[in-house]
C-alpha cells in the first residue's frame, strides 16, 4: 500500500521537474547561451536524483520493510534492490 502523503509529495516533485524541463525546452527554442542551458539541465538532473532518493526511501520504508517480514518476500526485495542499484550505476 502507498502512503498517500508520500505519493502526493512525489507527484509534486515530479511536476516541478516537468516545469523545469518545459523551461529548458523554451530556453533551447529561444537559443539561450549554452552555459545557461547546461546550468538548467544540470539542475534538472539534480532534481531527478533527489526524486530518485525520495522514491527509494519510500520503497525501503514501506514495501521492502513489509517484504522482509515475509520469508517469500525477502528474496524478491533483494532482487529489486540489486536491480535498482545496477540501473543507478549505468
N, C-alpha and C. Protein backbone atom coordinates (compact mmCIF):
# COMPACT_ATOMS: atom_id res chain seq x y z
N UNK A 1 0.84 -1.17 0.00
CA UNK A 1 0.00 0.00 0.00
C UNK A 1 0.89 1.25 0.00
N UNK A 2 0.46 2.28 -0.70
CA UNK A 2 1.23 3.51 -0.83
C UNK A 2 0.67 4.53 0.15
N UNK A 3 1.55 5.17 0.89
CA UNK A 3 1.17 6.25 1.78
C UNK A 3 0.77 7.44 0.90
N UNK A 4 -0.43 7.93 1.07
CA UNK A 4 -0.96 8.98 0.19
C UNK A 4 -0.19 10.30 0.33
N UNK A 5 0.31 10.60 1.53
CA UNK A 5 1.11 11.82 1.70
C UNK A 5 2.42 11.72 0.93
N UNK A 6 3.04 10.54 0.99
CA UNK A 6 4.29 10.34 0.25
C UNK A 6 4.02 10.39 -1.25
N UNK A 7 2.91 9.81 -1.66
CA UNK A 7 2.53 9.84 -3.08
C UNK A 7 2.34 11.28 -3.55
N UNK A 8 1.64 12.09 -2.75
CA UNK A 8 1.42 13.49 -3.12
C UNK A 8 2.74 14.26 -3.23
N UNK A 9 3.66 13.99 -2.30
CA UNK A 9 4.96 14.66 -2.33
C UNK A 9 5.73 14.26 -3.59
N UNK A 10 5.69 12.98 -3.95
CA UNK A 10 6.40 12.51 -5.14
C UNK A 10 5.80 13.12 -6.40
N UNK A 11 4.48 13.17 -6.48
CA UNK A 11 3.81 13.77 -7.64
C UNK A 11 4.16 15.26 -7.73
N UNK A 12 4.17 15.93 -6.59
CA UNK A 12 4.52 17.36 -6.56
C UNK A 12 5.93 17.59 -7.09
N UNK A 13 6.87 16.77 -6.61
CA UNK A 13 8.26 16.89 -7.08
C UNK A 13 8.36 16.62 -8.58
N UNK A 14 7.65 15.62 -9.05
CA UNK A 14 7.69 15.28 -10.48
C UNK A 14 7.12 16.43 -11.33
N UNK A 15 6.09 17.08 -10.83
CA UNK A 15 5.51 18.21 -11.56
C UNK A 15 6.48 19.40 -11.60
N UNK A 16 7.21 19.59 -10.52
CA UNK A 16 8.23 20.65 -10.52
C UNK A 16 9.29 20.35 -11.59
N UNK A 17 9.69 19.09 -11.67
CA UNK A 17 10.68 18.69 -12.68
C UNK A 17 10.13 18.89 -14.08
N UNK A 18 8.85 18.56 -14.27
CA UNK A 18 8.23 18.78 -15.57
C UNK A 18 8.29 20.27 -15.93
N UNK A 19 8.04 21.13 -14.96
CA UNK A 19 8.13 22.57 -15.20
C UNK A 19 9.54 23.00 -15.56
N UNK A 20 10.53 22.39 -14.89
CA UNK A 20 11.93 22.70 -15.21
C UNK A 20 12.25 22.27 -16.64
N UNK A 21 11.76 21.11 -17.04
CA UNK A 21 12.01 20.62 -18.40
C UNK A 21 11.33 21.53 -19.42
N UNK A 22 10.09 21.94 -19.14
CA UNK A 22 9.41 22.87 -20.05
C UNK A 22 10.20 24.17 -20.19
N UNK A 23 10.76 24.64 -19.06
CA UNK A 23 11.57 25.85 -19.11
C UNK A 23 12.83 25.66 -19.94
N UNK A 24 13.45 24.49 -19.83
CA UNK A 24 14.65 24.21 -20.62
C UNK A 24 14.31 24.14 -22.11
N UNK A 25 13.19 23.53 -22.43
CA UNK A 25 12.78 23.45 -23.85
C UNK A 25 12.61 24.86 -24.43
N UNK A 26 11.93 25.72 -23.68
CA UNK A 26 11.74 27.10 -24.15
C UNK A 26 13.07 27.82 -24.30
N UNK A 27 13.97 27.59 -23.34
CA UNK A 27 15.28 28.23 -23.40
C UNK A 27 16.06 27.77 -24.63
N UNK A 28 15.95 26.50 -24.96
CA UNK A 28 16.62 25.97 -26.17
C UNK A 28 16.00 26.60 -27.40
N UNK A 29 14.67 26.70 -27.42
CA UNK A 29 13.98 27.25 -28.59
C UNK A 29 14.36 28.71 -28.85
N UNK A 30 14.59 29.47 -27.78
CA UNK A 30 14.98 30.88 -27.99
C UNK A 30 16.50 31.04 -28.05
N UNK A 31 17.20 29.91 -28.09
CA UNK A 31 18.64 29.88 -28.27
C UNK A 31 19.39 30.64 -27.18
N UNK A 32 19.05 30.33 -25.92
CA UNK A 32 19.80 30.92 -24.81
C UNK A 32 21.25 30.50 -24.89
N UNK A 33 22.06 31.22 -24.19
CA UNK A 33 23.50 30.96 -24.15
C UNK A 33 23.75 29.56 -23.57
N UNK A 34 24.63 28.82 -24.22
CA UNK A 34 24.86 27.41 -23.89
C UNK A 34 25.14 27.14 -22.41
N UNK A 35 26.01 27.91 -21.75
CA UNK A 35 26.24 27.64 -20.33
C UNK A 35 24.97 27.76 -19.48
N UNK A 36 24.07 28.65 -19.86
CA UNK A 36 22.80 28.77 -19.14
C UNK A 36 21.93 27.54 -19.37
N UNK A 37 21.95 27.02 -20.57
CA UNK A 37 21.21 25.79 -20.88
C UNK A 37 21.77 24.62 -20.07
N UNK A 38 23.08 24.56 -20.02
CA UNK A 38 23.72 23.48 -19.26
C UNK A 38 23.40 23.60 -17.77
N UNK A 39 23.37 24.81 -17.27
CA UNK A 39 23.03 25.02 -15.86
C UNK A 39 21.62 24.52 -15.58
N UNK A 40 20.69 24.84 -16.46
CA UNK A 40 19.31 24.36 -16.29
C UNK A 40 19.24 22.84 -16.37
N UNK A 41 19.96 22.27 -17.33
CA UNK A 41 19.97 20.82 -17.49
C UNK A 41 20.54 20.12 -16.26
N UNK A 42 21.63 20.65 -15.74
CA UNK A 42 22.23 20.06 -14.54
C UNK A 42 21.32 20.19 -13.33
N UNK A 43 20.60 21.27 -13.26
CA UNK A 43 19.63 21.47 -12.18
C UNK A 43 18.52 20.41 -12.26
N UNK A 44 18.08 20.14 -13.46
CA UNK A 44 17.05 19.10 -13.66
C UNK A 44 17.60 17.74 -13.24
N UNK A 45 18.83 17.46 -13.59
CA UNK A 45 19.43 16.18 -13.21
C UNK A 45 19.52 16.04 -11.70
N UNK A 46 19.87 17.13 -11.01
CA UNK A 46 19.92 17.09 -9.54
C UNK A 46 18.52 16.86 -8.97
N UNK A 47 17.54 17.50 -9.57
CA UNK A 47 16.15 17.31 -9.12
C UNK A 47 15.71 15.87 -9.31
N UNK A 48 16.08 15.27 -10.43
CA UNK A 48 15.73 13.87 -10.68
C UNK A 48 16.41 12.95 -9.67
N UNK A 49 17.67 13.23 -9.36
CA UNK A 49 18.38 12.41 -8.37
C UNK A 49 17.71 12.54 -7.00
N UNK A 50 17.26 13.72 -6.67
CA UNK A 50 16.56 13.93 -5.41
C UNK A 50 15.25 13.15 -5.38
N UNK A 51 14.53 13.17 -6.50
CA UNK A 51 13.29 12.39 -6.59
C UNK A 51 13.59 10.90 -6.49
N UNK A 52 14.65 10.45 -7.14
CA UNK A 52 15.05 9.04 -7.05
C UNK A 52 15.30 8.63 -5.60
N UNK A 53 16.01 9.47 -4.88
CA UNK A 53 16.32 9.17 -3.47
C UNK A 53 15.04 9.12 -2.64
N UNK A 54 14.13 10.03 -2.90
CA UNK A 54 12.86 10.04 -2.19
C UNK A 54 12.07 8.76 -2.48
N UNK A 55 11.99 8.38 -3.75
CA UNK A 55 11.25 7.17 -4.13
C UNK A 55 11.88 5.93 -3.52
N UNK A 56 13.20 5.88 -3.53
CA UNK A 56 13.88 4.72 -2.94
C UNK A 56 13.64 4.66 -1.44
N UNK A 57 13.74 5.79 -0.77
CA UNK A 57 13.48 5.81 0.67
C UNK A 57 12.06 5.33 0.97
N UNK A 58 11.10 5.82 0.20
CA UNK A 58 9.72 5.39 0.38
C UNK A 58 9.59 3.88 0.19
N UNK A 59 10.23 3.36 -0.84
CA UNK A 59 10.16 1.93 -1.12
C UNK A 59 10.76 1.12 0.03
N UNK A 60 11.90 1.57 0.54
CA UNK A 60 12.54 0.87 1.65
C UNK A 60 11.68 0.90 2.91
N UNK A 61 11.09 2.04 3.19
CA UNK A 61 10.30 2.19 4.41
C UNK A 61 8.95 1.47 4.35
N UNK A 62 8.46 1.21 3.16
CA UNK A 62 7.15 0.58 3.03
C UNK A 62 7.27 -0.84 2.51
N UNK A 63 7.50 -0.97 1.22
CA UNK A 63 7.45 -2.28 0.57
C UNK A 63 8.55 -3.24 1.04
N UNK A 64 9.78 -2.77 1.07
CA UNK A 64 10.89 -3.65 1.46
C UNK A 64 10.73 -4.08 2.92
N UNK A 65 10.37 -3.15 3.75
CA UNK A 65 10.15 -3.46 5.17
C UNK A 65 9.11 -4.57 5.31
N UNK A 66 8.02 -4.45 4.55
CA UNK A 66 6.96 -5.46 4.58
C UNK A 66 7.45 -6.79 3.99
N UNK A 67 8.18 -6.73 2.88
CA UNK A 67 8.67 -7.96 2.24
C UNK A 67 9.65 -8.71 3.13
N UNK A 68 10.48 -7.99 3.85
CA UNK A 68 11.48 -8.65 4.70
C UNK A 68 10.84 -9.39 5.87
N UNK A 69 9.63 -9.04 6.20
CA UNK A 69 8.91 -9.74 7.27
C UNK A 69 8.36 -11.09 6.80
N UNK A 70 8.28 -11.25 5.49
CA UNK A 70 7.77 -12.50 4.91
C UNK A 70 8.95 -13.25 4.30
N UNK A 71 9.05 -14.52 4.60
CA UNK A 71 10.19 -15.28 4.07
C UNK A 71 10.18 -15.33 2.55
N UNK A 72 9.02 -15.41 1.95
CA UNK A 72 8.93 -15.46 0.48
C UNK A 72 9.27 -14.11 -0.14
N UNK A 73 9.03 -13.03 0.57
CA UNK A 73 9.28 -11.70 0.03
C UNK A 73 10.71 -11.25 0.14
N UNK A 74 11.46 -11.90 1.01
CA UNK A 74 12.85 -11.49 1.24
C UNK A 74 13.69 -11.54 -0.03
N UNK A 75 13.59 -12.64 -0.75
CA UNK A 75 14.37 -12.80 -1.99
C UNK A 75 13.94 -11.78 -3.04
N UNK A 76 12.65 -11.52 -3.12
CA UNK A 76 12.14 -10.53 -4.08
C UNK A 76 12.70 -9.15 -3.74
N UNK A 77 12.69 -8.79 -2.47
CA UNK A 77 13.20 -7.49 -2.06
C UNK A 77 14.68 -7.34 -2.42
N UNK A 78 15.44 -8.39 -2.19
CA UNK A 78 16.87 -8.35 -2.50
C UNK A 78 17.08 -8.17 -4.01
N UNK A 79 16.34 -8.91 -4.81
CA UNK A 79 16.47 -8.80 -6.28
C UNK A 79 16.09 -7.39 -6.76
N UNK A 80 15.03 -6.83 -6.19
CA UNK A 80 14.61 -5.49 -6.58
C UNK A 80 15.70 -4.46 -6.26
N UNK A 81 16.28 -4.58 -5.08
CA UNK A 81 17.31 -3.62 -4.68
C UNK A 81 18.56 -3.76 -5.53
N UNK A 82 18.91 -4.98 -5.87
CA UNK A 82 20.07 -5.19 -6.76
C UNK A 82 19.79 -4.59 -8.13
N UNK A 83 18.57 -4.76 -8.64
CA UNK A 83 18.20 -4.21 -9.95
C UNK A 83 18.27 -2.68 -9.93
N UNK A 84 17.75 -2.07 -8.87
CA UNK A 84 17.79 -0.61 -8.76
C UNK A 84 19.23 -0.13 -8.66
N UNK A 85 20.03 -0.82 -7.85
CA UNK A 85 21.45 -0.45 -7.72
C UNK A 85 22.16 -0.55 -9.06
N UNK A 86 21.92 -1.61 -9.79
CA UNK A 86 22.56 -1.81 -11.09
C UNK A 86 22.16 -0.71 -12.07
N UNK A 87 20.88 -0.39 -12.10
CA UNK A 87 20.40 0.67 -13.00
C UNK A 87 21.00 2.02 -12.63
N UNK A 88 21.18 2.27 -11.35
CA UNK A 88 21.69 3.58 -10.93
C UNK A 88 23.17 3.75 -11.24
N UNK A 89 23.84 2.66 -11.54
CA UNK A 89 25.29 2.72 -11.83
C UNK A 89 25.60 2.57 -13.31
N UNK A 90 24.64 2.72 -14.15
CA UNK A 90 24.88 2.62 -15.60
C UNK A 90 25.17 3.98 -16.17
